[in-house]
């Protein structure tokens, strides 16, 4: 699997689920959580994406 494969799959799933805001903003929020050391729970529960 290439490095782009997870991003392509995620984009497809978010489009299928009709989550355009999450599709637009997830990379910015993921970078922010990575710099703060937040795991997946912190990423999903972060109020900073709102």
N, C-alpha and C. Protein backbone atom coordinates (compact mmCIF):
# COMPACT_ATOMS: atom_id res chain seq x y z
N UNK A 1 0.85 -1.18 0.00
CA UNK A 1 0.00 0.00 0.00
C UNK A 1 0.89 1.23 0.00
N UNK A 2 0.56 2.20 -0.82
CA UNK A 2 1.36 3.42 -0.89
C UNK A 2 1.01 4.35 0.26
N UNK A 3 1.82 5.38 0.43
CA UNK A 3 1.58 6.35 1.50
C UNK A 3 0.29 7.13 1.25
N UNK A 4 -0.11 7.27 -0.01
CA UNK A 4 -1.31 8.03 -0.34
C UNK A 4 -2.59 7.20 -0.18
N UNK A 5 -2.47 5.90 -0.15
CA UNK A 5 -3.64 5.02 -0.12
C UNK A 5 -4.58 5.33 1.05
N UNK A 6 -4.09 5.48 2.30
CA UNK A 6 -5.02 5.79 3.39
C UNK A 6 -5.76 7.12 3.17
N UNK A 7 -5.09 8.11 2.63
CA UNK A 7 -5.73 9.41 2.36
C UNK A 7 -6.80 9.28 1.29
N UNK A 8 -6.52 8.48 0.27
CA UNK A 8 -7.49 8.28 -0.81
C UNK A 8 -8.72 7.55 -0.27
N UNK A 9 -8.48 6.51 0.52
CA UNK A 9 -9.59 5.77 1.12
C UNK A 9 -10.42 6.65 2.05
N UNK A 10 -9.74 7.43 2.88
CA UNK A 10 -10.45 8.32 3.80
C UNK A 10 -11.30 9.32 3.02
N UNK A 11 -10.75 9.91 1.99
CA UNK A 11 -11.50 10.86 1.17
C UNK A 11 -12.74 10.20 0.58
N UNK A 12 -12.58 8.97 0.10
CA UNK A 12 -13.72 8.24 -0.46
C UNK A 12 -14.78 7.97 0.60
N UNK A 13 -14.36 7.51 1.76
CA UNK A 13 -15.31 7.21 2.84
C UNK A 13 -16.04 8.47 3.31
N UNK A 14 -15.31 9.56 3.47
CA UNK A 14 -15.94 10.79 3.92
C UNK A 14 -16.93 11.33 2.89
N UNK A 15 -16.61 11.16 1.62
CA UNK A 15 -17.54 11.58 0.57
C UNK A 15 -18.79 10.71 0.60
N UNK A 16 -18.59 9.39 0.75
CA UNK A 16 -19.71 8.46 0.81
C UNK A 16 -20.61 8.76 2.00
N UNK A 17 -20.00 9.09 3.12
CA UNK A 17 -20.75 9.39 4.34
C UNK A 17 -21.31 10.82 4.38
N UNK A 18 -21.00 11.58 3.34
CA UNK A 18 -21.46 12.97 3.22
C UNK A 18 -20.99 13.82 4.41
N UNK A 19 -19.66 13.81 4.61
CA UNK A 19 -19.02 14.59 5.67
C UNK A 19 -18.03 15.58 5.05
N UNK A 20 -18.52 16.57 4.29
CA UNK A 20 -17.61 17.46 3.57
C UNK A 20 -16.75 18.34 4.48
N UNK A 21 -17.28 18.76 5.61
CA UNK A 21 -16.50 19.61 6.52
C UNK A 21 -15.33 18.83 7.09
N UNK A 22 -15.59 17.61 7.53
CA UNK A 22 -14.50 16.78 8.06
C UNK A 22 -13.48 16.49 6.98
N UNK A 23 -13.95 16.27 5.75
CA UNK A 23 -13.04 16.01 4.65
C UNK A 23 -12.14 17.21 4.40
N UNK A 24 -12.68 18.42 4.50
CA UNK A 24 -11.89 19.64 4.29
C UNK A 24 -10.91 19.90 5.42
N UNK A 25 -11.30 19.62 6.64
CA UNK A 25 -10.54 20.06 7.81
C UNK A 25 -9.69 19.00 8.49
N UNK A 26 -9.82 17.73 8.13
CA UNK A 26 -9.18 16.68 8.92
C UNK A 26 -7.65 16.77 8.91
N UNK A 27 -7.04 17.17 7.82
CA UNK A 27 -5.58 17.23 7.78
C UNK A 27 -5.04 18.32 8.70
N UNK A 28 -5.69 19.46 8.72
CA UNK A 28 -5.25 20.55 9.59
C UNK A 28 -5.36 20.14 11.06
N UNK A 29 -6.47 19.52 11.42
CA UNK A 29 -6.67 19.08 12.80
C UNK A 29 -5.71 17.95 13.16
N UNK A 30 -5.44 17.05 12.22
CA UNK A 30 -4.49 15.95 12.47
C UNK A 30 -3.10 16.50 12.75
N UNK A 31 -2.67 17.50 11.97
CA UNK A 31 -1.35 18.11 12.22
C UNK A 31 -1.31 18.77 13.58
N UNK A 32 -2.37 19.48 13.96
CA UNK A 32 -2.42 20.14 15.25
C UNK A 32 -2.34 19.13 16.39
N UNK A 33 -3.11 18.06 16.29
CA UNK A 33 -3.08 17.03 17.34
C UNK A 33 -1.74 16.33 17.40
N UNK A 34 -1.11 16.14 16.25
CA UNK A 34 0.21 15.50 16.22
C UNK A 34 1.24 16.36 16.93
N UNK A 35 1.18 17.67 16.74
CA UNK A 35 2.15 18.55 17.41
C UNK A 35 1.90 18.60 18.91
N UNK A 36 0.65 18.39 19.32
CA UNK A 36 0.31 18.40 20.75
C UNK A 36 0.43 17.02 21.38
N UNK A 37 0.72 16.01 20.58
CA UNK A 37 0.87 14.65 21.10
C UNK A 37 -0.45 13.98 21.43
N UNK A 38 -1.54 14.47 20.86
CA UNK A 38 -2.85 13.85 21.11
C UNK A 38 -3.00 12.60 20.26
N UNK A 39 -3.56 11.56 20.81
CA UNK A 39 -3.80 10.32 20.07
C UNK A 39 -5.10 10.41 19.29
N UNK A 40 -5.59 9.25 18.86
CA UNK A 40 -6.80 9.24 18.04
C UNK A 40 -8.03 9.72 18.80
N UNK A 41 -8.08 9.46 20.09
CA UNK A 41 -9.22 9.93 20.88
C UNK A 41 -9.18 11.46 20.99
N UNK A 42 -8.01 12.01 21.23
CA UNK A 42 -7.86 13.46 21.28
C UNK A 42 -8.18 14.10 19.95
N UNK A 43 -7.78 13.43 18.87
CA UNK A 43 -8.06 13.93 17.53
C UNK A 43 -9.56 13.99 17.27
N UNK A 44 -10.25 12.91 17.58
CA UNK A 44 -11.69 12.85 17.31
C UNK A 44 -12.49 13.72 18.26
N UNK A 45 -12.00 13.92 19.47
CA UNK A 45 -12.74 14.68 20.46
C UNK A 45 -12.30 16.12 20.58
N UNK A 46 -11.40 16.55 19.72
CA UNK A 46 -10.84 17.90 19.84
C UNK A 46 -11.86 18.98 19.49
N UNK A 47 -12.07 19.92 20.41
CA UNK A 47 -12.96 21.04 20.11
C UNK A 47 -12.32 22.07 19.19
N UNK A 48 -11.01 21.93 18.92
CA UNK A 48 -10.29 22.91 18.09
C UNK A 48 -10.71 22.85 16.65
N UNK A 49 -11.30 21.75 16.23
CA UNK A 49 -11.76 21.62 14.85
C UNK A 49 -13.07 22.32 14.60
N UNK A 50 -13.68 22.82 15.63
CA UNK A 50 -14.99 23.47 15.48
C UNK A 50 -14.84 24.95 15.29
